[in-house]
Structure formats: structure tokens, C-alpha cells
Amino acid sequence: MNIPIEFFEILMKIRALWNVPFRILESFVRILSKITGKFRPISYVAIFKRIRGIEVKKMMDEISRCNINKENLFIIID
């Protein structure tokens, strides 16, 4: 089964919020895989490549569609 990009967007947000290393994300996905049985575990290299492949423009479009007070919105891209 092919894992949807939204799953990697969630992993990316977890990584950004709590500064989680890719190896820890790999463990998280492995445990989630055992619990759900819906997908196979993914290596940290695959997680890294998929997260790095997410387009920033898509994320920015998502933010602009939200009902956020744009006067106080700061976006930092690393």
C-alpha cells in the first residue's frame, strides 16, 4: 500500500513542533504500523526523502486558506 503524502505532512509537523529526529520518527512509524497493520514500516531515509520532497508552496497555500489573523502571522522556512 502506498502511504499518502498527508501522513508525511503529519510527520513533518511532529518533527517541526518538537524537534524530533528522523530515527525517532522511524520508531514512531514502526510502532504505528504494528498497532494498525495498515502499512509497512518505513526507514528513516525514506521518511527524510518524502518530508524533504513536500513542496513549501503547498503548505503556504494551506496556511493562507486558514482563518488566521494574517497581521500577526510569521512564517519561518529553514
PDB file of N, CA and C in Angstrom:
ATOM      1  N   MET A   1       0.842  -1.185   0.000  1.00  0.00           N
ATOM      2  CA  MET A   1       0.000   0.000   0.000  1.00  0.00           C
ATOM      3  C   MET A   1       0.886   1.246   0.000  1.00  0.00           C
ATOM      4  N   ASN A   2       0.549   2.177  -0.841  1.00  0.00           N
ATOM      5  CA  ASN A   2       1.283   3.430  -0.935  1.00  0.00           C
ATOM      6  C   ASN A   2       0.799   4.382   0.168  1.00  0.00           C
ATOM      7  N   ILE A   3       1.730   4.944   0.906  1.00  0.00           N
ATOM      8  CA  ILE A   3       1.371   5.831   2.013  1.00  0.00           C
ATOM      9  C   ILE A   3       1.119   7.229   1.459  1.00  0.00           C
ATOM     10  N   PRO A   4      -0.020   7.834   1.799  1.00  0.00           N
ATOM     11  CA  PRO A   4      -0.352   9.156   1.260  1.00  0.00           C
ATOM     12  C   PRO A   4       0.573  10.254   1.801  1.00  0.00           C
ATOM     13  N   ILE A   5       0.711  11.301   1.041  1.00  0.00           N
ATOM     14  CA  ILE A   5       1.590  12.416   1.398  1.00  0.00           C
ATOM     15  C   ILE A   5       1.116  13.097   2.682  1.00  0.00           C
ATOM     16  N   GLU A   6      -0.176  13.046   2.962  1.00  0.00           N
ATOM     17  CA  GLU A   6      -0.703  13.667   4.186  1.00  0.00           C
ATOM     18  C   GLU A   6      -0.091  13.045   5.442  1.00  0.00           C
ATOM     19  N   PHE A   7       0.211  11.757   5.374  1.00  0.00           N
ATOM     20  CA  PHE A   7       0.859  11.089   6.507  1.00  0.00           C
ATOM     21  C   PHE A   7       2.232  11.701   6.766  1.00  0.00           C
ATOM     22  N   PHE A   8       2.968  11.967   5.690  1.00  0.00           N
ATOM     23  CA  PHE A   8       4.289  12.561   5.825  1.00  0.00           C
ATOM     24  C   PHE A   8       4.199  14.020   6.254  1.00  0.00           C
ATOM     25  N   GLU A   9       3.129  14.694   5.887  1.00  0.00           N
ATOM     26  CA  GLU A   9       2.921  16.062   6.353  1.00  0.00           C
ATOM     27  C   GLU A   9       2.710  16.076   7.863  1.00  0.00           C
ATOM     28  N   ILE A  10       2.002  15.078   8.381  1.00  0.00           N
ATOM     29  CA  ILE A  10       1.821  14.968   9.831  1.00  0.00           C
ATOM     30  C   ILE A  10       3.167  14.718  10.503  1.00  0.00           C
ATOM     31  N   LEU A  11       3.956  13.800   9.936  1.00  0.00           N
ATOM     32  CA  LEU A  11       5.291  13.539  10.491  1.00  0.00           C
ATOM     33  C   LEU A  11       6.147  14.796  10.458  1.00  0.00           C
ATOM     34  N   MET A  12       6.033  15.558   9.385  1.00  0.00           N
ATOM     35  CA  MET A  12       6.797  16.793   9.256  1.00  0.00           C
ATOM     36  C   MET A  12       6.395  17.786  10.354  1.00  0.00           C
ATOM     37  N   LYS A  13       5.103  17.864  10.642  1.00  0.00           N
ATOM     38  CA  LYS A  13       4.628  18.778  11.675  1.00  0.00           C
ATOM     39  C   LYS A  13       5.096  18.329  13.063  1.00  0.00           C
ATOM     40  N   ILE A  14       5.074  17.020  13.304  1.00  0.00           N
ATOM     41  CA  ILE A  14       5.590  16.488  14.575  1.00  0.00           C
ATOM     42  C   ILE A  14       7.063  16.839  14.718  1.00  0.00           C
ATOM     43  N   ARG A  15       7.807  16.650  13.657  1.00  0.00           N
ATOM     44  CA  ARG A  15       9.237  16.960  13.677  1.00  0.00           C
ATOM     45  C   ARG A  15       9.477  18.449  13.938  1.00  0.00           C
ATOM     46  N   ALA A  16       8.693  19.301  13.300  1.00  0.00           N
ATOM     47  CA  ALA A  16       8.875  20.744  13.453  1.00  0.00           C
ATOM     48  C   ALA A  16       8.476  21.226  14.844  1.00  0.00           C
ATOM     49  N   LEU A  17       7.386  20.697  15.372  1.00  0.00           N
ATOM     50  CA  LEU A  17       6.898  21.160  16.677  1.00  0.00           C
ATOM     51  C   LEU A  17       7.805  20.753  17.834  1.00  0.00           C
ATOM     52  N   TRP A  18       8.285  19.515  17.805  1.00  0.00           N
ATOM     53  CA  TRP A  18       9.041  19.003  18.942  1.00  0.00           C
ATOM     54  C   TRP A  18      10.490  18.664  18.614  1.00  0.00           C
ATOM     55  N   ASN A  19      10.965  19.073  17.439  1.00  0.00           N
ATOM     56  CA  ASN A  19      12.357  18.838  17.045  1.00  0.00           C
ATOM     57  C   ASN A  19      12.731  17.362  17.167  1.00  0.00           C
ATOM     58  N   VAL A  20      11.883  16.512  16.613  1.00  0.00           N
ATOM     59  CA  VAL A  20      12.063  15.066  16.702  1.00  0.00           C
ATOM     60  C   VAL A  20      13.020  14.593  15.606  1.00  0.00           C
ATOM     61  N   PRO A  21      14.073  13.844  15.961  1.00  0.00           N
ATOM     62  CA  PRO A  21      14.988  13.308  14.937  1.00  0.00           C
ATOM     63  C   PRO A  21      14.281  12.283  14.040  1.00  0.00           C
ATOM     64  N   PHE A  22      14.830  12.096  12.856  1.00  0.00           N
ATOM     65  CA  PHE A  22      14.232  11.165  11.895  1.00  0.00           C
ATOM     66  C   PHE A  22      14.229   9.728  12.412  1.00  0.00           C
ATOM     67  N   ARG A  23      15.235   9.343  13.187  1.00  0.00           N
ATOM     68  CA  ARG A  23      15.273   7.985  13.762  1.00  0.00           C
ATOM     69  C   ARG A  23      14.105   7.760  14.723  1.00  0.00           C
ATOM     70  N   ILE A  24      13.740   8.772  15.470  1.00  0.00           N
ATOM     71  CA  ILE A  24      12.600   8.660  16.388  1.00  0.00           C
ATOM     72  C   ILE A  24      11.300   8.586  15.588  1.00  0.00           C
ATOM     73  N   LEU A  25      11.223   9.359  14.507  1.00  0.00           N
ATOM     74  CA  LEU A  25      10.043   9.256  13.632  1.00  0.00           C
ATOM     75  C   LEU A  25       9.925   7.853  13.054  1.00  0.00           C
ATOM     76  N   GLU A  26      11.075   7.259  12.700  1.00  0.00           N
ATOM     77  CA  GLU A  26      11.068   5.888  12.187  1.00  0.00           C
ATOM     78  C   GLU A  26      10.489   4.936  13.232  1.00  0.00           C
ATOM     79  N   SER A  27      10.894   5.072  14.491  1.00  0.00           N
ATOM     80  CA  SER A  27      10.364   4.235  15.567  1.00  0.00           C
ATOM     81  C   SER A  27       8.870   4.459  15.755  1.00  0.00           C
ATOM     82  N   PHE A  28       8.455   5.717  15.693  1.00  0.00           N
ATOM     83  CA  PHE A  28       7.042   6.055  15.818  1.00  0.00           C
ATOM     84  C   PHE A  28       6.219   5.374  14.724  1.00  0.00           C
ATOM     85  N   VAL A  29       6.714   5.445  13.497  1.00  0.00           N
ATOM     86  CA  VAL A  29       6.007   4.823  12.362  1.00  0.00           C
ATOM     87  C   VAL A  29       6.000   3.305  12.503  1.00  0.00           C
ATOM     88  N   ARG A  30       7.103   2.736  12.970  1.00  0.00           N
ATOM     89  CA  ARG A  30       7.179   1.278  13.165  1.00  0.00           C
ATOM     90  C   ARG A  30       6.137   0.817  14.190  1.00  0.00           C
ATOM     91  N   ILE A  31       6.018   1.540  15.314  1.00  0.00           N
ATOM     92  CA  ILE A  31       5.024   1.201  16.337  1.00  0.00           C
ATOM     93  C   ILE A  31       3.611   1.387  15.792  1.00  0.00           C
ATOM     94  N   LEU A  32       3.385   2.483  15.083  1.00  0.00           N
ATOM     95  CA  LEU A  32       2.074   2.735  14.478  1.00  0.00           C
ATOM     96  C   LEU A  32       1.707   1.644  13.475  1.00  0.00           C
ATOM     97  N   SER A  33       2.703   1.170  12.748  1.00  0.00           N
ATOM     98  CA  SER A  33       2.493   0.093  11.777  1.00  0.00           C
ATOM     99  C   SER A  33       2.072  -1.206  12.473  1.00  0.00           C
ATOM    100  N   LYS A  34       2.722  -1.505  13.601  1.00  0.00           N
ATOM    101  CA  LYS A  34       2.362  -2.716  14.360  1.00  0.00           C
ATOM    102  C   LYS A  34       0.952  -2.621  14.922  1.00  0.00           C
ATOM    103  N   ILE A  35       0.606  -1.444  15.418  1.00  0.00           N
ATOM    104  CA  ILE A  35      -0.715  -1.250  16.035  1.00  0.00           C
ATOM    105  C   ILE A  35      -1.824  -1.356  14.996  1.00  0.00           C
ATOM    106  N   THR A  36      -1.645  -0.671  13.858  1.00  0.00           N
ATOM    107  CA  THR A  36      -2.723  -0.612  12.861  1.00  0.00           C
ATOM    108  C   THR A  36      -2.686  -1.768  11.869  1.00  0.00           C
ATOM    109  N   GLY A  37      -1.481  -2.185  11.486  1.00  0.00           N
ATOM    110  CA  GLY A  37      -1.359  -3.229  10.473  1.00  0.00           C
ATOM    111  C   GLY A  37      -1.752  -2.758   9.084  1.00  0.00           C
ATOM    112  N   LYS A  38      -1.846  -1.448   8.892  1.00  0.00           N
ATOM    113  CA  LYS A  38      -2.320  -0.885   7.617  1.00  0.00           C
ATOM    114  C   LYS A  38      -1.202  -0.646   6.611  1.00  0.00           C
ATOM    115  N   PHE A  39       0.039  -0.507   7.087  1.00  0.00           N
ATOM    116  CA  PHE A  39       1.138  -0.235   6.166  1.00  0.00           C
ATOM    117  C   PHE A  39       2.416  -0.833   6.727  1.00  0.00           C
ATOM    118  N   ARG A  40       3.407  -0.940   5.880  1.00  0.00           N
ATOM    119  CA  ARG A  40       4.683  -1.497   6.318  1.00  0.00           C
ATOM    120  C   ARG A  40       5.534  -0.402   6.945  1.00  0.00           C
ATOM    121  N   PRO A  41       6.440  -0.781   7.846  1.00  0.00           N
ATOM    122  CA  PRO A  41       7.337   0.219   8.440  1.00  0.00           C
ATOM    123  C   PRO A  41       8.204   0.876   7.361  1.00  0.00           C
ATOM    124  N   ILE A  42       8.614   2.102   7.619  1.00  0.00           N
ATOM    125  CA  ILE A  42       9.393   2.869   6.655  1.00  0.00           C
ATOM    126  C   ILE A  42      10.726   3.243   7.299  1.00  0.00           C
ATOM    127  N   SER A  43      11.787   3.197   6.530  1.00  0.00           N
ATOM    128  CA  SER A  43      13.099   3.575   7.056  1.00  0.00           C
ATOM    129  C   SER A  43      13.181   5.084   7.240  1.00  0.00           C
ATOM    130  N   TYR A  44      14.125   5.500   8.072  1.00  0.00           N
ATOM    131  CA  TYR A  44      14.263   6.938   8.311  1.00  0.00           C
ATOM    132  C   TYR A  44      14.715   7.661   7.049  1.00  0.00           C
ATOM    133  N   VAL A  45      15.448   6.982   6.170  1.00  0.00           N
ATOM    134  CA  VAL A  45      15.880   7.592   4.907  1.00  0.00           C
ATOM    135  C   VAL A  45      14.662   7.889   4.029  1.00  0.00           C
ATOM    136  N   ALA A  46      13.730   6.949   3.962  1.00  0.00           N
ATOM    137  CA  ALA A  46      12.510   7.153   3.172  1.00  0.00           C
ATOM    138  C   ALA A  46      11.672   8.289   3.756  1.00  0.00           C
ATOM    139  N   ILE A  47      11.582   8.335   5.090  1.00  0.00           N
ATOM    140  CA  ILE A  47      10.850   9.424   5.743  1.00  0.00           C
ATOM    141  C   ILE A  47      11.512  10.759   5.420  1.00  0.00           C
ATOM    142  N   PHE A  48      12.841  10.804   5.538  1.00  0.00           N
ATOM    143  CA  PHE A  48      13.611  12.014   5.254  1.00  0.00           C
ATOM    144  C   PHE A  48      13.350  12.500   3.825  1.00  0.00           C
ATOM    145  N   LYS A  49      13.448  11.583   2.863  1.00  0.00           N
ATOM    146  CA  LYS A  49      13.270  11.970   1.457  1.00  0.00           C
ATOM    147  C   LYS A  49      11.851  12.453   1.175  1.00  0.00           C
ATOM    148  N   ARG A  50      10.848  11.773   1.747  1.00  0.00           N
ATOM    149  CA  ARG A  50       9.463  12.193   1.500  1.00  0.00           C
ATOM    150  C   ARG A  50       9.160  13.545   2.142  1.00  0.00           C
ATOM    151  N   ILE A  51       9.664  13.752   3.364  1.00  0.00           N
ATOM    152  CA  ILE A  51       9.429  15.037   4.036  1.00  0.00           C
ATOM    153  C   ILE A  51      10.142  16.156   3.292  1.00  0.00           C
ATOM    154  N   ARG A  52      11.371  15.912   2.873  1.00  0.00           N
ATOM    155  CA  ARG A  52      12.122  16.941   2.142  1.00  0.00           C
ATOM    156  C   ARG A  52      11.523  17.217   0.771  1.00  0.00           C
ATOM    157  N   GLY A  53      10.717  16.276   0.258  1.00  0.00           N
ATOM    158  CA  GLY A  53      10.094  16.446  -1.051  1.00  0.00           C
ATOM    159  C   GLY A  53       8.777  17.203  -1.020  1.00  0.00           C
ATOM    160  N   ILE A  54       8.262  17.491   0.174  1.00  0.00           N
ATOM    161  CA  ILE A  54       6.990  18.208   0.283  1.00  0.00           C
ATOM    162  C   ILE A  54       7.206  19.651  -0.140  1.00  0.00           C
ATOM    163  N   GLU A  55       6.367  20.116  -1.011  1.00  0.00           N
ATOM    164  CA  GLU A  55       6.505  21.469  -1.534  1.00  0.00           C
ATOM    165  C   GLU A  55       6.084  22.501  -0.499  1.00  0.00           C
ATOM    166  N   VAL A  56       6.920  23.495  -0.324  1.00  0.00           N
ATOM    167  CA  VAL A  56       6.624  24.567   0.615  1.00  0.00           C
ATOM    168  C   VAL A  56       5.419  25.367   0.141  1.00  0.00           C
ATOM    169  N   LYS A  57       5.273  25.530  -1.165  1.00  0.00           N
ATOM    170  CA  LYS A  57       4.144  26.297  -1.713  1.00  0.00           C
ATOM    171  C   LYS A  57       2.815  25.675  -1.294  1.00  0.00           C
ATOM    172  N   LYS A  58       2.743  24.347  -1.304  1.00  0.00           N
ATOM    173  CA  LYS A  58       1.511  23.675  -0.905  1.00  0.00           C
ATOM    174  C   LYS A  58       1.179  23.995   0.549  1.00  0.00           C
ATOM    175  N   MET A  59       2.191  23.978   1.400  1.00  0.00           N
ATOM    176  CA  MET A  59       1.983  24.284   2.809  1.00  0.00           C
ATOM    177  C   MET A  59       1.560  25.744   2.985  1.00  0.00           C
ATOM    178  N   MET A  60       2.164  26.635   2.203  1.00  0.00           N
ATOM    179  CA  MET A  60       1.826  28.056   2.292  1.00  0.00           C
ATOM    180  C   MET A  60       0.379  28.293   1.842  1.00  0.00           C
ATOM    181  N   ASP A  61      -0.052  27.601   0.789  1.00  0.00           N
ATOM    182  CA  ASP A  61      -1.436  27.724   0.326  1.00  0.00           C
ATOM    183  C   ASP A  61      -2.413  27.269   1.407  1.00  0.00           C
ATOM    184  N   GLU A  62      -2.040  26.196   2.111  1.00  0.00           N
ATOM    185  CA  GLU A  62      -2.865  25.694   3.197  1.00  0.00           C
ATOM    186  C   GLU A  62      -3.012  26.745   4.294  1.00  0.00           C
ATOM    187  N   ILE A  63      -1.906  27.378   4.637  1.00  0.00           N
ATOM    188  CA  ILE A  63      -1.915  28.402   5.676  1.00  0.00           C
ATOM    189  C   ILE A  63      -2.775  29.588   5.250  1.00  0.00           C
ATOM    190  N   SER A  64      -2.653  29.998   3.986  1.00  0.00           N
ATOM    191  CA  SER A  64      -3.407  31.166   3.518  1.00  0.00           C
ATOM    192  C   SER A  64      -4.907  30.895   3.449  1.00  0.00           C
ATOM    193  N   ARG A  65      -5.311  29.639   3.324  1.00  0.00           N
ATOM    194  CA  ARG A  65      -6.732  29.305   3.303  1.00  0.00           C
ATOM    195  C   ARG A  65      -7.347  29.302   4.704  1.00  0.00           C
ATOM    196  N   CYS A  66      -6.502  29.195   5.722  1.00  0.00           N
ATOM    197  CA  CYS A  66      -7.000  29.165   7.104  1.00  0.00           C
ATOM    198  C   CYS A  66      -7.525  30.530   7.513  1.00  0.00           C
ATOM    199  N   ASN A  67      -8.395  30.525   8.489  1.00  0.00           N
ATOM    200  CA  ASN A  67      -8.922  31.782   9.026  1.00  0.00           C
ATOM    201  C   ASN A  67      -8.002  32.268  10.136  1.00  0.00           C
ATOM    202  N   ILE A  68      -6.834  32.731   9.756  1.00  0.00           N
ATOM    203  CA  ILE A  68      -5.845  33.206  10.708  1.00  0.00           C
ATOM    204  C   ILE A  68      -5.723  34.712  10.547  1.00  0.00           C
ATOM    205  N   ASN A  69      -5.536  35.402  11.658  1.00  0.00           N
ATOM    206  CA  ASN A  69      -5.274  36.827  11.613  1.00  0.00           C
ATOM    207  C   ASN A  69      -3.910  37.014  10.951  1.00  0.00           C
ATOM    208  N   LYS A  70      -3.906  37.410   9.692  1.00  0.00           N
ATOM    209  CA  LYS A  70      -2.677  37.471   8.912  1.00  0.00           C
ATOM    210  C   LYS A  70      -1.744  38.605   9.334  1.00  0.00           C
ATOM    211  N   GLU A  71      -2.246  39.545  10.110  1.00  0.00           N
ATOM    212  CA  GLU A  71      -1.378  40.625  10.580  1.00  0.00           C
ATOM    213  C   GLU A  71      -0.341  40.111  11.574  1.00  0.00           C
ATOM    214  N   ASN A  72      -0.685  39.077  12.319  1.00  0.00           N
ATOM    215  CA  ASN A  72       0.214  38.532  13.330  1.00  0.00           C
ATOM    216  C   ASN A  72       0.802  37.190  12.914  1.00  0.00           C
ATOM    217  N   LEU A  73       0.815  36.894  11.642  1.00  0.00           N
ATOM    218  CA  LEU A  73       1.311  35.615  11.148  1.00  0.00           C
ATOM    219  C   LEU A  73       2.776  35.744  10.737  1.00  0.00           C
ATOM    220  N   PHE A  74       3.620  34.892  11.323  1.00  0.00           N
ATOM    221  CA  PHE A  74       5.034  34.852  10.972  1.00  0.00           C
ATOM    222  C   PHE A  74       5.340  33.453  10.461  1.00  0.00           C
ATOM    223  N   ILE A  75       5.999  33.377   9.324  1.00  0.00           N
ATOM    224  CA  ILE A  75       6.358  32.084   8.741  1.00  0.00           C
ATOM    225  C   ILE A  75       7.877  32.033   8.594  1.00  0.00           C
ATOM    226  N   ILE A  76       8.468  30.983   9.148  1.00  0.00           N
ATOM    227  CA  ILE A  76       9.904  30.807   9.073  1.00  0.00           C
ATOM    228  C   ILE A  76      10.181  29.519   8.325  1.00  0.00           C
ATOM    229  N   ILE A  77      10.978  29.592   7.276  1.00  0.00           N
ATOM    230  CA  ILE A  77      11.308  28.421   6.481  1.00  0.00           C
ATOM    231  C   ILE A  77      12.793  28.155   6.626  1.00  0.00           C
ATOM    232  N   ASP A  78      13.113  26.953   7.019  1.00  0.00           N
ATOM    233  CA  ASP A  78      14.513  26.580   7.212  1.00  0.00           C
ATOM    234  C   ASP A  78      14.967  25.731   6.045  1.00  0.00           C
TER     235      ASP A  78
END
